[in-house]
Protein backbone atom coordinates (compact mmCIF):
# COMPACT_ATOMS: atom_id res chain seq x y z
CA UNK A 1 -16.20 -137.90 71.17
CA UNK A 2 -18.62 -137.60 68.27
CA UNK A 3 -18.12 -134.42 66.29
CA UNK A 4 -20.48 -131.67 67.65
CA UNK A 5 -20.65 -133.07 70.91
CA UNK A 6 -19.50 -130.31 73.80
CA UNK A 7 -16.74 -131.50 75.46
CA UNK A 8 -17.23 -131.79 79.33
CA UNK A 9 -15.82 -129.28 81.94
CA UNK A 10 -13.34 -131.01 83.77
CA UNK A 11 -12.33 -128.13 85.99
CA UNK A 12 -12.30 -129.57 89.77
CA UNK A 13 -14.59 -126.84 91.13
CA UNK A 14 -17.12 -127.53 88.28
CA UNK A 15 -16.86 -131.42 88.94
CA UNK A 16 -16.96 -130.92 93.14
CA UNK A 17 -20.23 -128.78 92.14
CA UNK A 18 -21.67 -131.76 89.97
CA UNK A 19 -20.97 -133.98 92.69
CA UNK A 20 -22.81 -131.62 95.34
CA UNK A 21 -25.92 -131.26 93.10
CA UNK A 22 -26.37 -134.97 92.32
CA UNK A 23 -26.35 -135.70 96.07
CA UNK A 24 -28.83 -133.36 96.54
CA UNK A 25 -31.23 -134.83 94.07
CA UNK A 26 -30.43 -138.44 95.51
CA UNK A 27 -31.46 -136.75 98.85
CA UNK A 28 -34.92 -135.28 97.45
CA UNK A 29 -35.36 -138.78 95.94
CA UNK A 30 -34.61 -140.50 99.12
CA UNK A 31 -37.14 -138.10 101.19
CA UNK A 32 -39.55 -138.56 98.07
CA UNK A 33 -39.42 -142.34 98.57
CA UNK A 34 -40.22 -141.77 102.45
CA UNK A 35 -36.53 -143.28 103.27
CA UNK A 36 -34.92 -141.93 106.25
CA UNK A 37 -31.01 -141.43 106.82
CA UNK A 38 -31.30 -144.00 109.33
CA UNK A 39 -32.86 -146.92 107.07
CA UNK A 40 -30.43 -145.95 104.34
CA UNK A 41 -27.55 -145.97 106.69
CA UNK A 42 -28.37 -149.60 108.04
CA UNK A 43 -28.62 -150.53 104.32
CA UNK A 44 -25.42 -149.16 103.33
CA UNK A 45 -23.63 -150.50 106.77
CA UNK A 46 -22.82 -147.34 107.62
CA UNK A 47 -24.07 -144.62 110.22
CA UNK A 48 -26.77 -142.09 110.17
CA UNK A 49 -24.38 -138.90 110.91
CA UNK A 50 -22.24 -139.87 107.74
CA UNK A 51 -25.24 -140.05 105.55
CA UNK A 52 -26.03 -136.66 106.80
CA UNK A 53 -22.63 -135.50 105.93
CA UNK A 54 -22.91 -137.04 102.53
CA UNK A 55 -26.40 -135.00 101.90
CA UNK A 56 -24.47 -132.12 103.20
CA UNK A 57 -21.81 -132.28 100.84
CA UNK A 58 -19.57 -131.98 103.59
CA UNK A 59 -16.86 -134.15 101.72
CA UNK A 60 -16.00 -135.71 98.41
CA UNK A 61 -17.59 -138.91 98.31
CA UNK A 62 -15.84 -141.73 96.61
CA UNK A 63 -17.86 -143.33 93.62
CA UNK A 64 -18.41 -146.41 95.25
CA UNK A 65 -20.46 -144.79 98.00
CA UNK A 66 -22.42 -142.67 95.67
CA UNK A 67 -23.25 -145.91 93.63
CA UNK A 68 -24.11 -147.65 96.82
CA UNK A 69 -26.19 -144.70 98.15
CA UNK A 70 -28.18 -144.44 94.46
CA UNK A 71 -28.91 -147.93 94.20
CA UNK A 72 -30.89 -147.48 97.79
CA UNK A 73 -32.09 -144.44 97.30
CA UNK A 74 -33.04 -144.02 93.36
CA UNK A 75 -33.79 -148.02 92.94
CA UNK A 76 -30.59 -148.53 90.66
CA UNK A 77 -27.93 -147.59 88.23
CA UNK A 78 -30.45 -146.92 85.44
CA UNK A 79 -32.25 -144.00 87.76
CA UNK A 80 -28.71 -142.67 88.76
CA UNK A 81 -27.96 -142.29 84.83
CA UNK A 82 -31.47 -140.52 84.47
CA UNK A 83 -30.44 -138.44 87.31
CA UNK A 84 -27.14 -137.57 85.59
CA UNK A 85 -28.49 -136.67 82.03
CA UNK A 86 -31.00 -134.31 84.16
CA UNK A 87 -28.34 -132.60 85.64
CA UNK A 88 -26.18 -132.37 82.43
CA UNK A 89 -29.39 -130.77 81.05
CA UNK A 90 -29.90 -128.57 83.74
CA UNK A 91 -26.18 -127.39 83.43
CA UNK A 92 -26.13 -127.04 79.73
CA UNK A 93 -29.33 -124.93 79.88
CA UNK A 94 -27.89 -122.53 82.68
CA UNK A 95 -24.87 -122.23 80.63
CA UNK A 96 -26.86 -121.32 77.66
CA UNK A 97 -28.66 -118.69 79.94
CA UNK A 98 -25.55 -117.09 81.69
CA UNK A 99 -23.82 -116.77 78.34
CA UNK A 100 -26.95 -114.92 76.94
CA UNK A 101 -26.99 -112.73 79.94
CA UNK A 102 -23.46 -111.92 80.08
CA UNK A 103 -23.42 -110.23 76.63
CA UNK A 104 -24.48 -106.64 76.79
């Protein structure tokens, strides 16, 4: 990793929360595009209840599932990468904000 670049937080709880954030953002994108869970399920070859569980973050989805879901609702891997960068930026800002507020 290049000098000066922050190390990623590999704590399992952090990774799980980031996954939930990503799925929430993708669900928002699905709704913004006017796609129903049923349509997404049909395109993925799965059921609407599975998509509902995915969007509730009821489980930890496999990477292949996230990729299929994101290709359908976000329009491709580039869109997924953009969402990930946005999440990373918001995470970094919230970390800096909480660090400022935690010092008396």
